[in-house]
């Protein structure tokens, strides 16, 4: 029985959705790790709410907060793009850039509250992943790819 073009498109979409699922799972795991870093800081410094005027607590909160401000956008892109026919290669690029960016940012901010290669590079990678995904989504929305 020959494989039809629709069958190939369905298989490609399933593969792309699995790729998206991988990155979404890794993003959620990173969010959990960052949440626990805040919890551990709170317990070690006996800070119930807020930052207790503790600089390290403030940084941990901002690392987690900045992640949470960006993660939903990239996760939405990772869900929508495969449904609109985007190839797995693009999803790998978006997912890897986002995760690398968030890790670099978290590391940079954990070391200094000032500007650092990790913070700046992390934001560049994060925003680049979002711009790529947004561009692909716009192209798909207008039927241009």
N, C-alpha and C. Protein backbone atom coordinates (compact mmCIF):
# COMPACT_ATOMS: atom_id res chain seq x y z
N UNK A 1 0.84 -1.17 0.00
CA UNK A 1 0.00 0.00 0.00
C UNK A 1 0.90 1.24 0.00
N UNK A 2 0.74 2.13 -0.97
CA UNK A 2 1.61 3.30 -1.04
C UNK A 2 1.33 4.30 0.08
N UNK A 3 2.38 4.99 0.48
CA UNK A 3 2.23 6.04 1.49
C UNK A 3 1.78 7.31 0.77
N UNK A 4 0.73 7.88 1.24
CA UNK A 4 0.19 9.09 0.63
C UNK A 4 0.88 10.33 1.19
N UNK A 5 0.81 11.42 0.43
CA UNK A 5 1.41 12.67 0.85
C UNK A 5 0.85 13.14 2.19
N UNK A 6 -0.45 12.96 2.38
CA UNK A 6 -1.06 13.34 3.66
C UNK A 6 -0.48 12.54 4.81
N UNK A 7 -0.18 11.26 4.55
CA UNK A 7 0.43 10.42 5.58
C UNK A 7 1.82 10.95 5.96
N UNK A 8 2.58 11.37 4.96
CA UNK A 8 3.91 11.92 5.22
C UNK A 8 3.83 13.21 6.02
N UNK A 9 2.86 14.05 5.69
CA UNK A 9 2.67 15.30 6.43
C UNK A 9 2.28 15.02 7.87
N UNK A 10 1.42 14.04 8.06
CA UNK A 10 1.00 13.67 9.42
C UNK A 10 2.19 13.14 10.22
N UNK A 11 3.00 12.28 9.61
CA UNK A 11 4.18 11.76 10.29
C UNK A 11 5.16 12.87 10.64
N UNK A 12 5.35 13.81 9.72
CA UNK A 12 6.25 14.94 10.00
C UNK A 12 5.72 15.78 11.14
N UNK A 13 4.40 16.02 11.18
CA UNK A 13 3.81 16.81 12.25
C UNK A 13 3.96 16.09 13.59
N UNK A 14 3.75 14.78 13.60
CA UNK A 14 3.90 14.02 14.84
C UNK A 14 5.34 14.11 15.33
N UNK A 15 6.30 13.98 14.42
CA UNK A 15 7.71 14.12 14.79
C UNK A 15 8.01 15.50 15.35
N UNK A 16 7.46 16.53 14.72
CA UNK A 16 7.69 17.90 15.19
C UNK A 16 7.04 18.11 16.55
N UNK A 17 5.86 17.56 16.75
CA UNK A 17 5.20 17.69 18.06
C UNK A 17 6.00 16.98 19.15
N UNK A 18 6.61 15.86 18.81
CA UNK A 18 7.47 15.16 19.78
C UNK A 18 8.70 16.00 20.12
N UNK A 19 9.25 16.66 19.11
CA UNK A 19 10.37 17.57 19.35
C UNK A 19 9.93 18.69 20.28
N UNK A 20 8.77 19.27 20.00
CA UNK A 20 8.23 20.33 20.86
C UNK A 20 8.03 19.82 22.28
N UNK A 21 7.50 18.62 22.41
CA UNK A 21 7.26 18.04 23.73
C UNK A 21 8.56 17.91 24.52
N UNK A 22 9.63 17.52 23.84
CA UNK A 22 10.93 17.41 24.49
C UNK A 22 11.35 18.75 25.09
N UNK A 23 11.30 19.81 24.28
CA UNK A 23 11.74 21.11 24.76
C UNK A 23 10.81 21.69 25.82
N UNK A 24 9.53 21.46 25.67
CA UNK A 24 8.59 21.94 26.69
C UNK A 24 8.86 21.25 28.02
N UNK A 25 9.12 19.94 27.98
CA UNK A 25 9.45 19.21 29.21
C UNK A 25 10.72 19.76 29.84
N UNK A 26 11.74 20.04 29.03
CA UNK A 26 12.99 20.59 29.56
C UNK A 26 12.78 21.99 30.13
N UNK A 27 11.94 22.79 29.49
CA UNK A 27 11.63 24.13 30.00
C UNK A 27 10.92 24.04 31.34
N UNK A 28 9.96 23.13 31.45
CA UNK A 28 9.25 22.95 32.72
C UNK A 28 10.22 22.49 33.81
N UNK A 29 11.10 21.55 33.48
CA UNK A 29 12.09 21.09 34.46
C UNK A 29 13.00 22.23 34.91
N UNK A 30 13.40 23.08 33.98
CA UNK A 30 14.23 24.22 34.37
C UNK A 30 13.45 25.16 35.29
N UNK A 31 12.19 25.35 35.00
CA UNK A 31 11.34 26.17 35.88
C UNK A 31 11.26 25.60 37.27
N UNK A 32 11.16 24.29 37.38
CA UNK A 32 11.11 23.62 38.69
C UNK A 32 12.42 23.84 39.44
N UNK A 33 13.54 23.67 38.76
CA UNK A 33 14.85 23.89 39.38
C UNK A 33 14.97 25.32 39.91
N UNK A 34 14.56 26.29 39.10
CA UNK A 34 14.65 27.69 39.52
C UNK A 34 13.71 27.98 40.69
N UNK A 35 12.55 27.34 40.70
CA UNK A 35 11.62 27.49 41.82
C UNK A 35 12.26 26.98 43.10
N UNK A 36 12.90 25.82 43.03
CA UNK A 36 13.52 25.25 44.22
C UNK A 36 14.72 26.06 44.68
N UNK A 37 15.40 26.73 43.76
CA UNK A 37 16.49 27.60 44.19
C UNK A 37 15.95 28.76 45.03
N UNK A 38 14.80 29.29 44.66
CA UNK A 38 14.17 30.34 45.46
C UNK A 38 13.76 29.78 46.83
N UNK A 39 13.14 28.61 46.82
CA UNK A 39 12.71 27.98 48.07
C UNK A 39 13.90 27.74 49.00
N UNK A 40 14.99 27.22 48.46
CA UNK A 40 16.17 26.95 49.28
C UNK A 40 16.74 28.24 49.86
N UNK A 41 16.76 29.31 49.06
CA UNK A 41 17.23 30.61 49.57
C UNK A 41 16.32 31.08 50.71
N UNK A 42 15.01 30.95 50.51
CA UNK A 42 14.06 31.38 51.55
C UNK A 42 14.30 30.61 52.86
N UNK A 43 14.47 29.31 52.74
CA UNK A 43 14.66 28.50 53.95
C UNK A 43 15.99 28.82 54.63
N UNK A 44 17.03 28.98 53.85
CA UNK A 44 18.34 29.23 54.47
C UNK A 44 18.42 30.61 55.12
N UNK A 45 17.67 31.56 54.60
CA UNK A 45 17.71 32.93 55.13
C UNK A 45 16.50 33.25 56.01
N UNK A 46 15.60 32.26 56.16
CA UNK A 46 14.38 32.44 56.95
C UNK A 46 13.55 33.64 56.47
N UNK A 47 13.37 33.71 55.15
CA UNK A 47 12.58 34.78 54.53
C UNK A 47 11.27 34.17 54.05
N UNK A 48 10.17 34.59 54.66
CA UNK A 48 8.87 34.01 54.31
C UNK A 48 8.27 34.55 53.03
N UNK A 49 8.40 35.84 52.83
CA UNK A 49 7.83 36.48 51.64
C UNK A 49 8.71 37.65 51.25
N UNK A 50 8.70 37.98 49.96
CA UNK A 50 9.54 39.07 49.49
C UNK A 50 11.00 38.65 49.46
N UNK A 51 11.88 39.65 49.48
CA UNK A 51 13.30 39.33 49.41
C UNK A 51 14.05 39.57 50.71
N UNK A 52 13.33 40.10 51.74
CA UNK A 52 13.97 40.34 53.04
C UNK A 52 15.18 41.26 52.95
N UNK A 53 15.23 42.09 51.92
CA UNK A 53 16.37 42.99 51.66
C UNK A 53 17.69 42.23 51.49
N UNK A 54 17.59 40.98 51.10
CA UNK A 54 18.77 40.15 50.87
C UNK A 54 19.08 40.13 49.38
N UNK A 55 20.29 40.53 49.01
CA UNK A 55 20.65 40.65 47.60
C UNK A 55 20.61 39.31 46.86
N UNK A 56 21.05 38.25 47.49
CA UNK A 56 21.02 36.94 46.83
C UNK A 56 19.58 36.45 46.65
N UNK A 57 18.73 36.76 47.63
CA UNK A 57 17.32 36.40 47.51
C UNK A 57 16.69 37.15 46.35
N UNK A 58 17.01 38.44 46.25
CA UNK A 58 16.50 39.26 45.15
C UNK A 58 16.91 38.68 43.81
N UNK A 59 18.15 38.27 43.70
CA UNK A 59 18.64 37.68 42.45
C UNK A 59 17.93 36.37 42.13
N UNK A 60 17.78 35.51 43.12
CA UNK A 60 17.09 34.23 42.90
C UNK A 60 15.66 34.47 42.43
N UNK A 61 14.99 35.42 43.03
CA UNK A 61 13.62 35.76 42.64
C UNK A 61 13.59 36.28 41.20
N UNK A 62 14.54 37.14 40.84
CA UNK A 62 14.57 37.70 39.49
C UNK A 62 14.95 36.66 38.44
N UNK A 63 15.85 35.75 38.79
CA UNK A 63 16.21 34.68 37.85
C UNK A 63 14.96 33.86 37.53
N UNK A 64 14.23 33.49 38.56
CA UNK A 64 13.00 32.72 38.39
C UNK A 64 11.95 33.56 37.66
N UNK A 65 11.80 34.81 38.08
CA UNK A 65 10.79 35.68 37.48
C UNK A 65 11.05 35.94 36.01
N UNK A 66 12.31 36.19 35.65
CA UNK A 66 12.64 36.45 34.26
C UNK A 66 12.37 35.21 33.41
N UNK A 67 12.69 34.05 33.95
CA UNK A 67 12.39 32.80 33.25
C UNK A 67 10.88 32.69 33.01
N UNK A 68 10.10 32.93 34.07
CA UNK A 68 8.64 32.79 33.97
C UNK A 68 8.02 33.83 33.03
N UNK A 69 8.67 34.96 32.87
CA UNK A 69 8.18 35.99 31.95
C UNK A 69 8.37 35.60 30.49
N UNK A 70 9.33 34.74 30.22
CA UNK A 70 9.65 34.36 28.84
C UNK A 70 9.18 32.97 28.44
N UNK A 71 9.17 32.04 29.37
CA UNK A 71 8.86 30.65 29.05
C UNK A 71 7.49 30.44 28.39
N UNK A 72 6.42 31.09 28.85
CA UNK A 72 5.13 30.83 28.20
C UNK A 72 5.11 31.18 26.72
N UNK A 73 5.82 32.22 26.34
CA UNK A 73 5.84 32.62 24.93
C UNK A 73 6.50 31.55 24.06
N UNK A 74 7.66 31.08 24.50
CA UNK A 74 8.35 30.07 23.69
C UNK A 74 7.59 28.74 23.70
N UNK A 75 6.94 28.43 24.81
CA UNK A 75 6.15 27.19 24.85
C UNK A 75 4.95 27.28 23.90
N UNK A 76 4.32 28.43 23.82
CA UNK A 76 3.21 28.62 22.87
C UNK A 76 3.71 28.45 21.44
N UNK A 77 4.87 29.02 21.15
CA UNK A 77 5.44 28.87 19.81
C UNK A 77 5.74 27.41 19.50
N UNK A 78 6.30 26.71 20.48
CA UNK A 78 6.65 25.30 20.28
C UNK A 78 5.42 24.42 20.07
N UNK A 79 4.28 24.83 20.56
CA UNK A 79 3.04 24.07 20.33
C UNK A 79 2.42 24.43 18.98
N UNK A 80 2.35 25.72 18.68
CA UNK A 80 1.67 26.15 17.46
C UNK A 80 2.44 25.84 16.19
N UNK A 81 3.74 26.02 16.21
CA UNK A 81 4.53 25.86 15.00
C UNK A 81 4.41 24.46 14.37
N UNK A 82 4.52 23.38 15.12
CA UNK A 82 4.38 22.07 14.47
C UNK A 82 2.96 21.84 13.92
N UNK A 83 1.98 22.40 14.60
CA UNK A 83 0.61 22.24 14.11
C UNK A 83 0.41 22.95 12.77
N UNK A 84 1.25 23.94 12.49
CA UNK A 84 1.17 24.67 11.24
C UNK A 84 2.21 24.20 10.22
N UNK A 85 2.85 23.08 10.52
CA UNK A 85 3.74 22.46 9.55
C UNK A 85 5.21 22.81 9.64
N UNK A 86 5.63 23.44 10.71
CA UNK A 86 7.05 23.79 10.86
C UNK A 86 7.87 22.54 11.13
N UNK A 87 9.00 22.44 10.47
CA UNK A 87 9.88 21.28 10.60
C UNK A 87 10.57 21.24 11.97
N UNK A 88 10.90 20.04 12.39
CA UNK A 88 11.55 19.82 13.68
C UNK A 88 12.86 20.60 13.82
N UNK A 89 13.58 20.77 12.74
CA UNK A 89 14.85 21.48 12.79
C UNK A 89 14.67 22.88 13.38
N UNK A 90 13.63 23.59 12.98
CA UNK A 90 13.35 24.92 13.51
C UNK A 90 13.03 24.85 15.00
N UNK A 91 12.30 23.82 15.40
CA UNK A 91 11.94 23.67 16.82
C UNK A 91 13.17 23.39 17.66
N UNK A 92 14.09 22.59 17.11
CA UNK A 92 15.36 22.35 17.82
C UNK A 92 16.13 23.66 17.99
N UNK A 93 16.17 24.46 16.95
CA UNK A 93 16.88 25.73 17.02
C UNK A 93 16.26 26.63 18.09
N UNK A 94 14.93 26.77 18.05
CA UNK A 94 14.23 27.62 19.02
C UNK A 94 14.43 27.08 20.44
N UNK A 95 14.22 25.79 20.64
CA UNK A 95 14.34 25.18 21.97
C UNK A 95 15.74 25.26 22.53
N UNK A 96 16.73 24.95 21.71
CA UNK A 96 18.13 25.00 22.18
C UNK A 96 18.55 26.43 22.52
N UNK A 97 18.21 27.37 21.64
CA UNK A 97 18.56 28.76 21.90
C UNK A 97 17.90 29.27 23.18
N UNK A 98 16.62 28.94 23.36
CA UNK A 98 15.92 29.41 24.55
C UNK A 98 16.54 28.82 25.81
N UNK A 99 16.74 27.51 25.85
CA UNK A 99 17.31 26.88 27.05
C UNK A 99 18.73 27.37 27.33
N UNK A 100 19.54 27.48 26.30
CA UNK A 100 20.90 27.98 26.49
C UNK A 100 20.87 29.42 26.99
N UNK A 101 19.97 30.19 26.44
CA UNK A 101 19.84 31.59 26.86
C UNK A 101 19.41 31.72 28.31
N UNK A 102 18.45 30.93 28.70
CA UNK A 102 17.97 30.99 30.09
C UNK A 102 19.03 30.50 31.06
N UNK A 103 19.78 29.47 30.68
CA UNK A 103 20.85 28.98 31.55
C UNK A 103 21.96 30.02 31.68
N UNK A 104 22.34 30.62 30.56
CA UNK A 104 23.39 31.65 30.60
C UNK A 104 22.94 32.84 31.43
N UNK A 105 21.69 33.25 31.26
CA UNK A 105 21.17 34.39 32.03
C UNK A 105 21.15 34.06 33.52
N UNK A 106 20.65 32.88 33.86
CA UNK A 106 20.59 32.48 35.28
C UNK A 106 21.98 32.45 35.89
N UNK A 107 22.93 31.89 35.17
CA UNK A 107 24.30 31.83 35.68
C UNK A 107 24.88 33.24 35.85
N UNK A 108 24.72 34.06 34.82
CA UNK A 108 25.27 35.42 34.88
C UNK A 108 24.68 36.23 36.01
N UNK A 109 23.35 36.16 36.18
CA UNK A 109 22.70 36.94 37.24
C UNK A 109 23.03 36.36 38.62
N UNK A 110 23.27 35.06 38.71
CA UNK A 110 23.62 34.49 40.01
C UNK A 110 25.00 34.95 40.48
N UNK A 111 25.83 35.37 39.54
CA UNK A 111 27.19 35.80 39.88
C UNK A 111 27.29 37.29 40.15
N UNK A 112 26.48 38.10 39.47
CA UNK A 112 26.54 39.55 39.65
C UNK A 112 25.20 40.17 39.29
N UNK A 113 24.86 41.23 40.01
CA UNK A 113 23.63 41.97 39.70
C UNK A 113 23.87 42.94 38.54
N UNK A 114 25.12 43.17 38.21
CA UNK A 114 25.46 44.07 37.11
C UNK A 114 25.45 43.34 35.78
N UNK A 115 25.85 44.05 34.76
CA UNK A 115 25.93 43.48 33.42
C UNK A 115 27.03 42.42 33.39
N UNK A 116 26.75 41.34 32.66
CA UNK A 116 27.74 40.28 32.50
C UNK A 116 27.51 39.60 31.16
N UNK A 117 28.50 38.87 30.71
CA UNK A 117 28.39 38.13 29.46
C UNK A 117 27.21 37.16 29.54
N UNK A 118 27.06 36.50 30.66
CA UNK A 118 25.96 35.54 30.83
C UNK A 118 24.60 36.19 30.73
N UNK A 119 24.44 37.31 31.41
CA UNK A 119 23.14 38.00 31.37
C UNK A 119 22.83 38.54 29.98
N UNK A 120 23.76 39.26 29.40
CA UNK A 120 23.53 39.86 28.09
C UNK A 120 23.40 38.77 27.02
N UNK A 121 24.33 37.84 27.02
CA UNK A 121 24.26 36.75 26.04
C UNK A 121 23.00 35.92 26.20
N UNK A 122 22.61 35.70 27.44
CA UNK A 122 21.39 34.94 27.71
C UNK A 122 20.15 35.62 27.18
N UNK A 123 20.08 36.93 27.37
CA UNK A 123 18.92 37.67 26.86
C UNK A 123 18.93 37.70 25.34
N UNK A 124 20.11 37.84 24.74
CA UNK A 124 20.19 37.84 23.27
C UNK A 124 19.70 36.50 22.73
N UNK A 125 20.18 35.40 23.30
CA UNK A 125 19.73 34.07 22.84
C UNK A 125 18.24 33.88 23.06
N UNK A 126 17.75 34.30 24.22
CA UNK A 126 16.32 34.18 24.52
C UNK A 126 15.49 34.95 23.51
N UNK A 127 15.84 36.21 23.30
CA UNK A 127 15.08 37.04 22.37
C UNK A 127 15.21 36.55 20.94
N UNK A 128 16.38 36.06 20.57
CA UNK A 128 16.58 35.53 19.23
C UNK A 128 15.67 34.32 19.02
N UNK A 129 15.57 33.44 20.01
CA UNK A 129 14.68 32.28 19.88
C UNK A 129 13.23 32.72 19.71
N UNK A 130 12.83 33.74 20.45
CA UNK A 130 11.46 34.25 20.34
C UNK A 130 11.23 34.94 18.99
N UNK A 131 12.19 35.70 18.50
CA UNK A 131 12.05 36.35 17.20
C UNK A 131 11.95 35.32 16.07
N UNK A 132 12.79 34.30 16.12
CA UNK A 132 12.73 33.25 15.09
C UNK A 132 11.36 32.59 15.11
N UNK A 133 10.92 32.19 16.30
CA UNK A 133 9.61 31.54 16.42
C UNK A 133 8.48 32.44 15.97
N UNK A 134 8.53 33.70 16.35
CA UNK A 134 7.49 34.66 15.97
C UNK A 134 7.48 34.87 14.46
N UNK A 135 8.65 34.98 13.88
CA UNK A 135 8.74 35.13 12.42
C UNK A 135 8.15 33.94 11.69
N UNK A 136 8.49 32.75 12.14
CA UNK A 136 7.94 31.53 11.53
C UNK A 136 6.42 31.46 11.71
N UNK A 137 5.96 31.87 12.87
CA UNK A 137 4.52 31.84 13.14
C UNK A 137 3.79 32.84 12.23
N UNK A 138 4.34 34.02 12.06
CA UNK A 138 3.73 35.01 11.16
C UNK A 138 3.71 34.51 9.72
N UNK A 139 4.80 33.90 9.28
CA UNK A 139 4.84 33.35 7.92
C UNK A 139 3.75 32.28 7.75
N UNK A 140 3.63 31.42 8.74
CA UNK A 140 2.60 30.37 8.67
C UNK A 140 1.19 30.96 8.72
N UNK A 141 1.02 31.98 9.55
CA UNK A 141 -0.31 32.60 9.68
C UNK A 141 -0.78 33.21 8.37
N UNK A 142 0.15 33.73 7.59
CA UNK A 142 -0.20 34.34 6.32
C UNK A 142 -0.04 33.38 5.14
N UNK A 143 0.23 32.11 5.45
CA UNK A 143 0.35 31.10 4.41
C UNK A 143 1.56 31.29 3.51
N UNK A 144 2.60 31.91 4.03
CA UNK A 144 3.78 32.20 3.24
C UNK A 144 4.85 31.13 3.32
N UNK A 145 4.56 30.08 4.04
CA UNK A 145 5.47 28.92 4.06
C UNK A 145 4.71 27.66 4.20
